[in-house]
Amino acid sequence: MNYLVDTQTSLIGDNSVYFATKSEKIEILVNALRLVSSDEDIKKQRLLIPDNCEKYGFVEGYHNLSTFLHFLADMLEE
């Protein structure tokens, strides 16, 4: 299933609709996560992963948000 991402208007006034494929959406998300993870303010932030998240594969405790976002981008790329 494709989702509407953007509409574009040509010089002759036609409206064309652009649909991203699944792989394009993942690529957009991966690029956005990497961009955000490199932000200096994000690099200073900590993320708390609470109890009971071990069942989802995450270790309880405080983690660097930038590293976590980059990790998510890497996982999505696989």
C-alpha atoms as a PDB file:
ATOM      1  CA  MET A   1       0.000   0.000   0.000  1.00  0.00           C
ATOM      2  CA  ASN A   2       1.384   3.409  -0.929  1.00  0.00           C
ATOM      3  CA  TYR A   3       0.827   6.568   1.071  1.00  0.00           C
ATOM      4  CA  LEU A   4       0.563  10.145  -0.139  1.00  0.00           C
ATOM      5  CA  VAL A   5       3.812  11.925   0.571  1.00  0.00           C
ATOM      6  CA  ASP A   6       3.707  15.127  -1.458  1.00  0.00           C
ATOM      7  CA  THR A   7       1.701  16.953  -4.079  1.00  0.00           C
ATOM      8  CA  GLN A   8       3.430  18.971  -6.741  1.00  0.00           C
ATOM      9  CA  THR A   9       2.104  21.612  -9.118  1.00  0.00           C
ATOM     10  CA  SER A  10       3.674  21.811 -12.559  1.00  0.00           C
ATOM     11  CA  LEU A  11       4.178  24.985 -14.565  1.00  0.00           C
ATOM     12  CA  ILE A  12       1.102  24.218 -16.673  1.00  0.00           C
ATOM     13  CA  GLY A  13      -1.099  23.940 -13.605  1.00  0.00           C
ATOM     14  CA  ASP A  14      -1.441  20.157 -13.420  1.00  0.00           C
ATOM     15  CA  ASN A  15      -1.421  18.664  -9.970  1.00  0.00           C
ATOM     16  CA  SER A  16       0.586  15.485  -9.808  1.00  0.00           C
ATOM     17  CA  VAL A  17       0.610  13.261  -6.758  1.00  0.00           C
ATOM     18  CA  TYR A  18       3.760  11.501  -5.622  1.00  0.00           C
ATOM     19  CA  PHE A  19       3.459   8.218  -3.726  1.00  0.00           C
ATOM     20  CA  ALA A  20       6.474   6.863  -1.878  1.00  0.00           C
ATOM     21  CA  THR A  21       7.133   3.163  -1.955  1.00  0.00           C
ATOM     22  CA  LYS A  22       7.770   1.247   1.269  1.00  0.00           C
ATOM     23  CA  SER A  23      11.538   1.263   0.755  1.00  0.00           C
ATOM     24  CA  GLU A  24      11.522   5.009   0.075  1.00  0.00           C
ATOM     25  CA  LYS A  25       9.633   5.661   3.308  1.00  0.00           C
ATOM     26  CA  ILE A  26      12.119   3.580   5.280  1.00  0.00           C
ATOM     27  CA  GLU A  27      14.998   5.440   3.621  1.00  0.00           C
ATOM     28  CA  ILE A  28      13.387   8.778   4.515  1.00  0.00           C
ATOM     29  CA  LEU A  29      12.949   7.662   8.131  1.00  0.00           C
ATOM     30  CA  VAL A  30      16.524   6.343   8.351  1.00  0.00           C
ATOM     31  CA  ASN A  31      17.909   9.606   6.966  1.00  0.00           C
ATOM     32  CA  ALA A  32      15.754  11.658   9.360  1.00  0.00           C
ATOM     33  CA  LEU A  33      16.886   9.596  12.368  1.00  0.00           C
ATOM     34  CA  ARG A  34      20.535  10.017  11.393  1.00  0.00           C
ATOM     35  CA  LEU A  35      20.074  13.758  10.844  1.00  0.00           C
ATOM     36  CA  VAL A  36      18.400  14.231  14.216  1.00  0.00           C
ATOM     37  CA  SER A  37      20.941  12.018  15.990  1.00  0.00           C
ATOM     38  CA  SER A  38      23.755  14.304  14.829  1.00  0.00           C
ATOM     39  CA  ASP A  39      22.143  17.421  16.349  1.00  0.00           C
ATOM     40  CA  GLU A  40      24.207  18.908  19.185  1.00  0.00           C
ATOM     41  CA  ASP A  41      21.165  19.378  21.461  1.00  0.00           C
ATOM     42  CA  ILE A  42      20.071  15.772  20.927  1.00  0.00           C
ATOM     43  CA  LYS A  43      23.604  14.539  21.712  1.00  0.00           C
ATOM     44  CA  LYS A  44      23.210  16.047  25.203  1.00  0.00           C
ATOM     45  CA  GLN A  45      19.866  14.340  25.928  1.00  0.00           C
ATOM     46  CA  ARG A  46      19.385  11.145  27.893  1.00  0.00           C
ATOM     47  CA  LEU A  47      16.643   8.579  27.319  1.00  0.00           C
ATOM     48  CA  LEU A  48      15.168   6.536  30.161  1.00  0.00           C
ATOM     49  CA  ILE A  49      14.168   3.012  29.256  1.00  0.00           C
ATOM     50  CA  PRO A  50      11.939   1.832  32.128  1.00  0.00           C
ATOM     51  CA  ASP A  51      11.518  -1.557  33.801  1.00  0.00           C
ATOM     52  CA  ASN A  52       9.897  -4.367  31.837  1.00  0.00           C
ATOM     53  CA  CYS A  53      11.314  -3.236  28.485  1.00  0.00           C
ATOM     54  CA  GLU A  54      13.674  -6.201  28.503  1.00  0.00           C
ATOM     55  CA  LYS A  55      10.858  -8.205  26.912  1.00  0.00           C
ATOM     56  CA  TYR A  56      11.204  -5.888  23.886  1.00  0.00           C
ATOM     57  CA  GLY A  57      14.978  -6.262  23.795  1.00  0.00           C
ATOM     58  CA  PHE A  58      15.916  -2.996  25.510  1.00  0.00           C
ATOM     59  CA  VAL A  59      18.105  -2.670  28.588  1.00  0.00           C
ATOM     60  CA  GLU A  60      16.673  -0.710  31.507  1.00  0.00           C
ATOM     61  CA  GLY A  61      18.389   2.553  32.400  1.00  0.00           C
ATOM     62  CA  TYR A  62      19.498   5.892  31.015  1.00  0.00           C
ATOM     63  CA  HIS A  63      20.964   5.954  27.522  1.00  0.00           C
ATOM     64  CA  ASN A  64      22.276   8.605  25.154  1.00  0.00           C
ATOM     65  CA  LEU A  65      19.385   9.662  22.889  1.00  0.00           C
ATOM     66  CA  SER A  66      21.675  10.337  19.922  1.00  0.00           C
ATOM     67  CA  THR A  67      23.168   6.846  20.097  1.00  0.00           C
ATOM     68  CA  PHE A  68      19.727   5.289  20.475  1.00  0.00           C
ATOM     69  CA  LEU A  69      18.349   7.119  17.396  1.00  0.00           C
ATOM     70  CA  HIS A  70      21.378   6.096  15.344  1.00  0.00           C
ATOM     71  CA  PHE A  71      20.881   2.513  16.546  1.00  0.00           C
ATOM     72  CA  LEU A  72      17.241   2.602  15.378  1.00  0.00           C
ATOM     73  CA  ALA A  73      18.357   3.900  11.974  1.00  0.00           C
ATOM     74  CA  ASP A  74      20.847   1.031  11.687  1.00  0.00           C
ATOM     75  CA  MET A  75      18.152  -1.514  12.604  1.00  0.00           C
ATOM     76  CA  LEU A  76      15.738  -0.119  10.014  1.00  0.00           C
ATOM     77  CA  GLU A  77      18.390  -0.311   7.324  1.00  0.00           C
ATOM     78  CA  GLU A  78      18.929  -4.048   7.827  1.00  0.00           C
END
